[in-house]
Amino acid sequence: MRNYSISYVTVGVFVTAMVVALVVSVALIAGRTGPRDPYRVVFDNVTDLKYGTVVRYEGFPVGQVDEIDPVYEDGKYRFGVKVSVRQGWKFPKDSKASIRASSFLAAKTIDIQGGKSTELIPVGGDIPG
């Protein structure tokens, strides 16, 4: 008679290791693995923006979109886009955010062009859109 308990233990350890590897891979792909700072950008139009849209500073990926909130002011809707960026990332006060795509078929991103000001936007502040 053969002992099957060793085979079951081996398969169980393998399956557990693969589940852990899957969870770690998804966390790394999602980009939510480190501490983040919140900011907000206000746009008139948020076509093709959604949760997870990449936020770039001068072309370098620094964060992602977390939430989009419509705000009715001055007789029209504007959209507050809450973004989370790498903790400690600094934005000059005269930085400008815009929605861009690197090519016709590429996904939209929020591209922040850095300014020359020595004053910085405080964490949780608004980046001009």
Protein backbone atom coordinates (compact mmCIF):
# COMPACT_ATOMS: atom_id res chain seq x y z
CA MET A 1 0.00 0.00 0.00
CA ARG A 2 1.30 3.41 -0.96
CA ASN A 3 1.33 6.44 1.37
CA TYR A 4 -0.53 9.31 -0.33
CA SER A 5 -0.19 11.84 2.50
CA ILE A 6 3.26 12.97 1.30
CA SER A 7 1.84 13.75 -2.15
CA TYR A 8 -1.05 15.72 -0.66
CA VAL A 9 1.32 17.79 1.51
CA THR A 10 3.55 18.53 -1.48
CA VAL A 11 0.60 19.64 -3.62
CA GLY A 12 -0.80 21.75 -0.76
CA VAL A 13 2.51 23.56 -0.23
CA PHE A 14 2.85 24.19 -3.98
CA VAL A 15 -0.70 25.59 -4.30
CA THR A 16 -0.21 27.84 -1.24
CA ALA A 17 3.06 29.18 -2.66
CA MET A 18 1.39 29.95 -6.00
CA VAL A 19 -1.48 31.81 -4.32
CA VAL A 20 1.01 33.94 -2.36
CA ALA A 21 2.96 34.64 -5.57
CA LEU A 22 -0.27 35.70 -7.32
CA VAL A 23 -1.22 38.13 -4.53
CA VAL A 24 2.27 39.69 -4.54
CA SER A 25 2.24 39.99 -8.36
CA VAL A 26 -1.16 41.71 -8.40
CA ALA A 27 -0.01 44.16 -5.69
CA LEU A 28 3.11 45.04 -7.69
CA ILE A 29 1.22 45.43 -10.97
CA ALA A 30 -1.42 47.63 -9.33
CA GLY A 31 1.33 49.93 -8.06
CA ARG A 32 -0.15 50.22 -4.59
CA THR A 33 2.78 48.77 -2.69
CA GLY A 34 4.26 51.79 -0.94
CA PRO A 35 3.24 54.86 1.05
CA ARG A 36 1.34 57.51 -0.93
CA ASP A 37 0.46 61.20 -0.65
CA PRO A 38 -2.97 62.47 -1.81
CA TYR A 39 -3.46 65.41 -4.19
CA ARG A 40 -6.38 66.72 -6.25
CA VAL A 41 -6.58 67.99 -9.81
CA VAL A 42 -9.68 69.77 -11.19
CA PHE A 43 -10.60 69.32 -14.86
CA ASP A 44 -13.52 70.46 -17.03
CA ASN A 45 -13.50 67.14 -18.90
CA VAL A 46 -12.31 63.71 -17.74
CA THR A 47 -12.78 61.67 -20.92
CA ASP A 48 -11.15 58.23 -20.61
CA LEU A 49 -9.92 58.79 -17.03
CA LYS A 50 -10.76 56.10 -14.50
CA TYR A 51 -9.44 54.45 -11.35
CA GLY A 52 -5.86 53.39 -11.91
CA THR A 53 -5.04 55.88 -14.68
CA VAL A 54 -1.31 56.66 -14.51
CA VAL A 55 -0.11 60.03 -13.20
CA ARG A 56 3.24 61.18 -14.63
CA TYR A 57 5.54 64.03 -13.63
CA GLU A 58 7.57 65.18 -16.64
CA GLY A 59 6.98 61.73 -18.16
CA PHE A 60 8.01 59.74 -15.06
CA PRO A 61 5.22 57.62 -13.48
CA VAL A 62 4.62 58.81 -9.92
CA GLY A 63 1.10 57.67 -9.07
CA GLN A 64 -2.43 56.88 -10.13
CA VAL A 65 -6.02 58.13 -10.07
CA ASP A 66 -7.97 57.03 -7.00
CA GLU A 67 -11.35 58.72 -7.42
CA ILE A 68 -13.26 61.18 -9.63
CA ASP A 69 -15.88 63.45 -8.03
CA PRO A 70 -18.19 65.73 -10.07
CA VAL A 71 -18.58 69.21 -8.57
CA TYR A 72 -21.27 71.66 -9.72
CA GLU A 73 -19.99 75.24 -9.54
CA ASP A 74 -20.65 78.42 -11.51
CA GLY A 75 -23.43 76.80 -13.51
CA LYS A 76 -21.40 73.87 -14.84
CA TYR A 77 -19.86 70.61 -13.75
CA ARG A 78 -16.17 70.30 -13.04
CA PHE A 79 -14.44 67.12 -11.93
CA GLY A 80 -12.16 66.76 -8.91
CA VAL A 81 -9.71 63.96 -9.62
CA LYS A 82 -8.13 62.56 -6.47
CA VAL A 83 -4.70 61.11 -7.17
CA SER A 84 -2.15 59.35 -5.00
CA VAL A 85 1.54 59.83 -5.71
CA ARG A 86 4.75 58.49 -4.22
CA GLN A 87 5.26 59.73 -0.70
CA GLY A 88 7.58 62.72 -0.53
CA TRP A 89 7.19 63.73 -4.20
CA LYS A 90 7.35 67.52 -4.51
CA PHE A 91 5.32 69.66 -6.95
CA PRO A 92 6.22 73.34 -7.52
CA LYS A 93 3.28 75.75 -7.10
CA ASP A 94 3.26 76.69 -10.79
CA SER A 95 3.02 73.07 -12.04
CA LYS A 96 0.23 72.32 -14.54
CA ALA A 97 -1.66 69.04 -15.00
CA SER A 98 -3.21 67.95 -18.28
CA ILE A 99 -4.75 64.82 -19.77
CA ARG A 100 -2.61 63.34 -22.52
CA ALA A 101 -1.95 60.23 -24.57
CA SER A 102 1.51 59.46 -25.92
CA SER A 103 0.05 58.20 -29.21
CA PHE A 104 -3.30 57.77 -30.93
CA LEU A 105 -3.92 54.29 -29.51
CA ALA A 106 -2.22 54.77 -26.13
CA ALA A 107 -4.11 55.00 -22.85
CA LYS A 108 -4.74 58.45 -21.41
CA THR A 109 -2.54 59.66 -18.55
CA ILE A 110 -2.43 62.72 -16.33
CA ASP A 111 0.78 64.51 -17.20
CA ILE A 112 2.09 67.09 -14.73
CA GLN A 113 4.54 69.62 -16.11
CA GLY A 114 6.79 70.94 -13.36
CA GLY A 115 7.11 74.64 -12.77
CA LYS A 116 10.03 76.81 -11.71
CA SER A 117 8.62 78.07 -8.40
CA THR A 118 10.51 77.41 -5.20
CA GLU A 119 7.20 77.21 -3.31
CA LEU A 120 5.66 73.73 -3.19
CA ILE A 121 2.07 72.50 -3.29
CA PRO A 122 1.30 71.09 0.18
CA VAL A 123 0.39 67.40 0.53
CA GLY A 124 -3.36 67.12 0.00
CA GLY A 125 -3.41 70.34 -2.02
CA ASP A 126 -4.71 71.11 -5.50
CA ILE A 127 -2.53 70.80 -8.60
CA PRO A 128 -3.78 73.30 -11.23
CA GLY A 129 -5.43 71.53 -14.19
